[in-house]
Protein backbone atom coordinates (compact mmCIF):
# COMPACT_ATOMS: atom_id res chain seq x y z
CA MET A 1 29.83 2.88 -52.88
CA ARG A 2 27.50 0.98 -55.16
CA ARG A 3 24.60 2.86 -56.64
CA SER A 4 22.02 0.46 -55.24
CA ILE A 5 21.29 1.54 -51.70
CA ALA A 6 19.61 0.10 -48.66
CA ARG A 7 16.31 1.72 -47.85
CA ALA A 8 16.98 2.99 -44.34
CA LEU A 9 17.95 6.57 -43.63
CA ILE A 10 21.63 6.61 -44.56
CA ARG A 11 22.95 7.77 -41.17
CA PRO A 12 21.73 9.37 -37.92
CA LEU A 13 20.60 12.93 -38.52
CA ILE A 14 22.62 15.52 -36.63
CA LEU A 15 19.99 18.22 -37.09
CA ALA A 16 16.68 16.44 -36.56
CA ALA A 17 14.64 19.48 -37.57
CA THR A 18 15.91 19.17 -41.12
CA VAL A 19 15.08 15.47 -41.59
CA ALA A 20 12.46 16.03 -44.26
CA SER A 21 14.68 18.26 -46.38
CA ILE A 22 17.98 16.34 -46.44
CA PRO A 23 18.62 14.87 -49.92
CA LEU A 24 19.63 11.22 -49.92
CA VAL A 25 22.92 10.03 -51.30
CA ASN A 26 22.43 8.64 -54.82
CA ALA A 27 18.65 9.14 -54.69
CA ALA A 28 17.36 8.73 -58.24
CA PRO A 29 14.37 10.46 -59.83
CA ALA A 30 11.15 8.61 -59.02
CA VAL A 31 7.45 8.82 -59.65
CA ALA A 32 6.28 12.01 -57.93
CA GLY A 33 2.88 12.91 -56.55
CA GLY A 34 2.42 9.62 -54.73
CA VAL A 35 3.20 8.03 -51.40
CA VAL A 36 5.78 5.40 -50.51
CA VAL A 37 6.49 6.47 -54.14
CA GLY A 38 3.38 6.02 -56.27
CA GLY A 39 0.97 4.90 -53.56
CA PHE A 40 -1.72 6.18 -51.22
CA PRO A 41 -2.39 6.94 -47.52
CA ILE A 42 -3.87 4.23 -45.28
CA ASP A 43 -4.98 4.01 -41.68
CA VAL A 44 -2.87 1.73 -39.51
CA SER A 45 -5.98 -0.36 -38.81
CA GLN A 46 -5.76 -1.54 -42.44
CA ALA A 47 -2.23 -2.91 -41.89
CA PRO A 48 -1.87 -3.15 -38.08
CA TRP A 49 1.28 -5.27 -38.34
CA THR A 50 3.18 -2.26 -39.74
CA VAL A 51 5.23 -0.65 -36.98
CA ALA A 52 7.88 2.07 -36.95
CA LEU A 53 11.39 1.58 -35.60
CA ALA A 54 12.39 4.71 -33.72
CA SER A 55 15.02 6.44 -31.60
CA ARG A 56 14.50 10.08 -30.70
CA ASP A 57 18.00 10.15 -29.23
CA ARG A 58 19.54 9.36 -32.64
CA PHE A 59 16.99 10.85 -35.04
CA GLY A 60 15.23 13.61 -33.11
CA GLY A 61 11.55 14.20 -32.49
CA THR A 62 10.51 15.67 -35.84
CA ARG A 63 9.13 12.27 -36.93
CA ALA A 64 8.99 10.70 -33.43
CA GLY A 65 12.46 9.29 -34.11
CA GLN A 66 11.30 6.99 -36.94
CA PHE A 67 14.13 5.79 -39.16
CA CYS A 68 12.99 2.36 -40.45
CA GLY A 69 9.94 0.18 -40.73
CA ALA A 70 9.27 -3.16 -39.04
CA VAL A 71 6.53 -5.79 -38.89
CA ALA A 72 4.91 -7.67 -36.00
CA VAL A 73 5.11 -11.45 -36.45
CA GLY A 74 4.37 -12.26 -32.79
CA ARG A 75 2.91 -10.39 -29.84
CA SER A 76 6.42 -9.52 -28.63
CA THR A 77 8.39 -10.36 -31.79
CA VAL A 78 9.10 -7.91 -34.60
CA LEU A 79 11.13 -8.28 -37.80
CA THR A 80 13.11 -5.51 -39.46
CA ALA A 81 16.01 -5.21 -41.89
CA ALA A 82 19.46 -6.03 -40.50
CA HIS A 83 20.94 -2.98 -42.19
CA CYS A 84 18.62 -0.74 -40.13
CA LEU A 85 20.65 -1.72 -37.06
CA SER A 86 24.06 -1.19 -38.59
CA GLY A 87 26.63 1.29 -37.33
CA GLU A 88 26.20 3.24 -40.57
CA VAL A 89 22.57 3.92 -39.70
CA LEU A 90 22.62 4.11 -35.89
CA GLY A 91 26.16 5.34 -35.35
CA SER A 92 26.73 2.61 -32.75
CA PRO A 93 25.67 -0.98 -31.98
CA PRO A 94 21.92 -1.25 -31.24
CA ASN A 95 22.56 -2.24 -27.61
CA ARG A 96 24.02 1.25 -27.13
CA VAL A 97 20.81 2.95 -28.25
CA PRO A 98 18.91 3.12 -24.94
CA ASP A 99 15.66 4.48 -26.38
CA LEU A 100 15.32 2.04 -29.30
CA LYS A 101 11.62 1.22 -29.58
CA VAL A 102 8.78 0.36 -31.92
CA ILE A 103 5.75 2.58 -32.46
CA ALA A 104 2.66 0.45 -33.01
CA GLY A 105 -0.96 1.23 -33.80
CA ARG A 106 -0.15 4.74 -35.01
CA THR A 107 -1.07 6.24 -38.39
CA ASP A 108 0.39 9.73 -37.80
CA LEU A 109 3.86 9.51 -36.27
CA LEU A 110 3.29 12.67 -34.24
CA SER A 111 -0.09 11.68 -32.78
CA ALA A 112 -0.73 10.05 -29.41
CA GLN A 113 -2.40 7.07 -31.08
CA GLY A 114 -1.18 3.56 -30.32
CA GLU A 115 1.79 2.79 -28.11
CA GLU A 116 5.56 2.91 -27.98
CA ILE A 117 7.26 -0.26 -26.73
CA ALA A 118 10.94 -0.57 -25.87
CA VAL A 119 13.11 -3.09 -27.72
CA GLN A 120 14.44 -5.55 -25.15
CA ASP A 121 16.67 -7.69 -27.37
CA VAL A 122 18.11 -7.54 -30.90
CA ARG A 123 19.20 -10.59 -32.88
CA ILE A 124 20.77 -9.81 -36.25
CA ASN A 125 20.81 -12.69 -38.71
CA PRO A 126 24.33 -14.15 -38.35
CA ARG A 127 24.31 -14.92 -42.09
CA TYR A 128 23.56 -11.33 -43.08
CA ASP A 129 26.05 -10.12 -45.70
CA ALA A 130 26.21 -6.32 -45.68
CA ARG A 131 28.12 -6.31 -48.98
CA THR A 132 25.42 -8.16 -50.94
CA SER A 133 22.38 -7.50 -48.68
CA SER A 134 21.74 -11.25 -48.54
CA GLY A 135 19.90 -12.35 -45.39
CA ASP A 136 18.88 -8.79 -44.54
CA PHE A 137 16.76 -9.35 -41.44
CA ALA A 138 16.87 -8.96 -37.67
CA VAL A 139 14.55 -10.21 -34.92
CA LEU A 140 13.53 -7.79 -32.17
CA THR A 141 12.06 -8.89 -28.85
CA LEU A 142 9.85 -6.27 -27.23
CA ALA A 143 9.56 -5.40 -23.56
CA GLY A 144 5.75 -5.48 -23.85
CA GLN A 145 3.11 -7.21 -25.93
CA LEU A 146 1.14 -6.14 -28.97
CA PRO A 147 -2.47 -7.22 -29.50
CA GLN A 148 -2.85 -10.51 -31.37
CA SER A 149 -4.82 -8.64 -34.04
CA ALA A 150 -1.60 -6.80 -34.98
CA VAL A 151 0.30 -10.02 -35.76
CA ILE A 152 0.67 -11.26 -39.34
CA ALA A 153 1.62 -14.77 -40.42
CA MET A 154 4.85 -15.38 -42.33
CA ALA A 155 4.71 -17.20 -45.67
CA GLY A 156 6.95 -20.26 -45.58
CA PRO A 157 8.77 -22.00 -48.45
CA GLY A 158 6.49 -22.98 -51.30
CA ASP A 159 3.67 -20.62 -50.31
CA PRO A 160 1.64 -19.55 -53.38
CA ALA A 161 1.93 -15.93 -52.22
CA TYR A 162 5.42 -15.91 -53.80
CA THR A 163 4.03 -16.72 -57.27
CA PRO A 164 5.05 -14.11 -59.88
CA GLY A 165 2.17 -11.83 -60.74
CA THR A 166 0.65 -11.97 -57.26
CA ASP A 167 -0.66 -8.63 -56.01
CA ALA A 168 1.12 -7.37 -52.90
CA LEU A 169 1.14 -4.33 -50.64
CA VAL A 170 4.16 -2.50 -49.18
CA SER A 171 3.61 -0.02 -46.36
CA GLY A 172 5.67 2.47 -44.36
CA TRP A 173 6.54 6.06 -43.52
CA GLY A 174 9.42 6.47 -45.97
CA ASP A 175 10.33 8.83 -48.80
CA THR A 176 7.35 9.50 -51.07
CA THR A 177 9.19 10.89 -54.11
CA GLY A 178 12.76 9.58 -54.04
CA GLY A 179 13.94 13.08 -53.16
CA GLY A 180 13.85 13.06 -49.37
CA ASP A 181 10.13 13.85 -48.85
CA TYR A 182 9.36 11.66 -45.84
CA ALA A 183 5.78 10.83 -44.89
CA ARG A 184 4.38 11.64 -41.47
CA ARG A 185 1.30 9.46 -42.01
CA LEU A 186 1.37 5.79 -42.95
CA GLN A 187 1.45 5.13 -46.69
CA ALA A 188 1.06 2.05 -48.88
CA ALA A 189 1.68 1.06 -52.48
CA ARG A 190 0.32 -1.82 -54.54
CA VAL A 191 2.96 -3.80 -56.40
CA ARG A 192 3.26 -7.20 -58.07
CA VAL A 193 5.61 -10.04 -57.23
CA LEU A 194 8.06 -10.41 -60.13
CA SER A 195 9.83 -13.50 -61.42
CA ASP A 196 13.34 -14.38 -60.30
CA GLU A 197 14.43 -14.24 -63.95
CA LEU A 198 13.25 -10.66 -64.34
CA CYS A 199 14.84 -9.66 -61.02
CA ALA A 200 18.17 -11.25 -61.94
CA LYS A 201 18.11 -9.42 -65.27
CA ALA A 202 17.45 -6.11 -63.47
CA TYR A 203 20.27 -6.72 -60.98
CA PRO A 204 22.91 -8.97 -62.59
CA GLY A 205 25.75 -7.60 -60.46
CA GLY A 206 28.04 -4.60 -60.79
CA PRO A 207 27.04 -1.07 -59.76
CA GLU A 208 23.29 -1.79 -59.59
CA GLY A 209 23.71 -4.75 -57.19
CA ALA A 210 23.18 -8.50 -57.55
CA TYR A 211 19.86 -10.29 -57.03
CA GLN A 212 20.04 -13.60 -55.14
CA ALA A 213 16.86 -15.65 -55.54
CA ASP A 214 17.43 -17.85 -52.50
CA THR A 215 17.32 -14.94 -50.03
CA MET A 216 15.56 -12.17 -51.98
CA LEU A 217 12.49 -11.44 -54.06
CA CYS A 218 11.54 -8.33 -55.96
CA ALA A 219 8.27 -6.57 -56.61
CA GLY A 220 7.01 -3.60 -58.57
CA GLU A 221 6.24 -2.97 -62.22
CA ALA A 222 8.59 -3.41 -65.17
CA ALA A 223 7.69 0.11 -66.33
CA GLY A 224 8.47 1.61 -62.92
CA GLY A 225 6.03 3.24 -60.54
CA PRO A 226 4.87 2.17 -57.06
CA ASP A 227 7.77 1.14 -54.84
CA GLY A 228 9.19 1.29 -51.32
CA CYS A 229 11.91 3.87 -50.75
CA GLN A 230 14.37 5.23 -48.18
CA GLY A 231 12.93 5.11 -44.67
CA ASP A 232 10.73 2.10 -45.53
CA SER A 233 13.51 -0.45 -44.86
CA GLY A 234 12.40 -3.38 -42.74
CA GLY A 235 8.73 -2.72 -43.48
CA PRO A 236 6.29 -5.37 -44.72
CA LEU A 237 5.48 -6.69 -48.17
CA VAL A 238 2.21 -8.61 -47.79
CA ALA A 239 0.43 -10.88 -50.26
CA GLY A 240 -2.55 -13.15 -49.69
CA GLY A 241 -2.74 -12.07 -46.05
CA ARG A 242 0.80 -13.27 -45.33
CA LEU A 243 4.16 -11.58 -44.95
CA ILE A 244 6.39 -12.41 -47.92
CA GLY A 245 9.08 -9.72 -47.82
CA LEU A 246 10.89 -7.02 -45.86
CA VAL A 247 11.91 -3.81 -47.66
CA SER A 248 15.66 -4.16 -48.26
CA TRP A 249 17.29 -2.34 -51.18
CA GLY A 250 17.00 -1.09 -54.74
CA SER A 251 18.50 1.24 -57.32
CA GLY A 252 16.65 4.49 -56.78
CA CYS A 253 12.89 4.28 -56.17
CA GLY A 254 10.20 3.48 -58.73
CA ARG A 255 12.61 3.48 -61.68
CA PRO A 256 11.77 1.57 -64.88
CA GLY A 257 13.47 -1.81 -65.06
CA LEU A 258 14.79 -1.57 -61.48
CA PRO A 259 12.17 -2.95 -59.07
CA GLY A 260 12.42 -2.92 -55.28
CA VAL A 261 14.25 -5.85 -53.69
CA TYR A 262 12.97 -7.48 -50.51
CA THR A 263 14.28 -10.01 -48.02
CA ARG A 264 12.49 -13.29 -48.80
CA VAL A 265 10.53 -14.17 -45.66
CA SER A 266 10.60 -17.92 -46.39
CA GLU A 267 14.31 -17.69 -45.52
CA VAL A 268 13.41 -16.03 -42.22
CA VAL A 269 11.02 -18.92 -41.50
CA ARG A 270 13.78 -21.42 -42.23
CA ALA A 271 16.17 -19.57 -39.94
CA LEU A 272 13.71 -19.28 -37.06
CA GLY A 273 12.35 -22.80 -37.47
CA PRO A 274 8.92 -24.10 -38.54
CA ALA A 275 7.60 -23.98 -34.97
CA THR A 276 7.68 -20.18 -35.12
CA ALA A 277 5.37 -20.04 -38.13
CA ALA A 278 3.13 -22.77 -36.71
CA ARG A 279 2.41 -20.68 -33.60
CA GLN A 280 1.06 -17.79 -35.65
CA ARG A 281 -2.58 -17.15 -36.35
CA PRO A 282 -3.58 -16.85 -40.03
CA GLY A 283 -2.77 -13.40 -41.34
CA ARG A 284 -5.16 -10.72 -42.49
CA GLY A 285 -4.94 -9.10 -45.89
CA LEU A 286 -6.23 -5.86 -47.33
């Protein structure tokens, strides 16, 4: 197994009560004392497009069944990472997980805030390559509708939000230290979009993984620090009020010279067609 790992929980947890204490395979030391690794707590109203992907049947009730992040790009359309719906994570195809749902409008996973909406349909990107993590996205259709205020616009090809140096925000309920300390309340971290050249140098291939600029982008700091981590997979990376990335993979969390890698959302826009993006209202940024 390569050292670079996808940022979902590695597999369904047999003993749900121990979810917060299970060490992750190949988890590397990361910046401690922060959230989402090196970040801060936020209220869901500050990033209402951030939703949790959950199954109590597979992951227990300790964290309301949350195992990945996701992001609302339409009132009944949600994006997440394709690897979140793999057999390695779920233990079966997603259509055999009867209680697969998204939790929306909720800061604390164990509160009664917001709503839980069943996933009606799952479409995994047919070009997703599990070996390289290229094309790591899936489209979920919900059985109900989210408020329009929870929807964020996707940044298409050529959007200035992809410019290196742009400030961005990643949010989710994942590991806050790189050591299996999962958040119960929504967390966020400020990062910067990095150049394709820097990302390719960080991940040239081999045990750390290979960066592919056409389907990926990376964000963080060259010196390490704020970053998404395990459990944040599929969650949003937002810049300029638009969705630019989905948490995908990385080597450890917050490590110097090894930034987080995200699915490039402009590729999602291409796959879904320009009409999808055109129907969206302008996004809201922090």
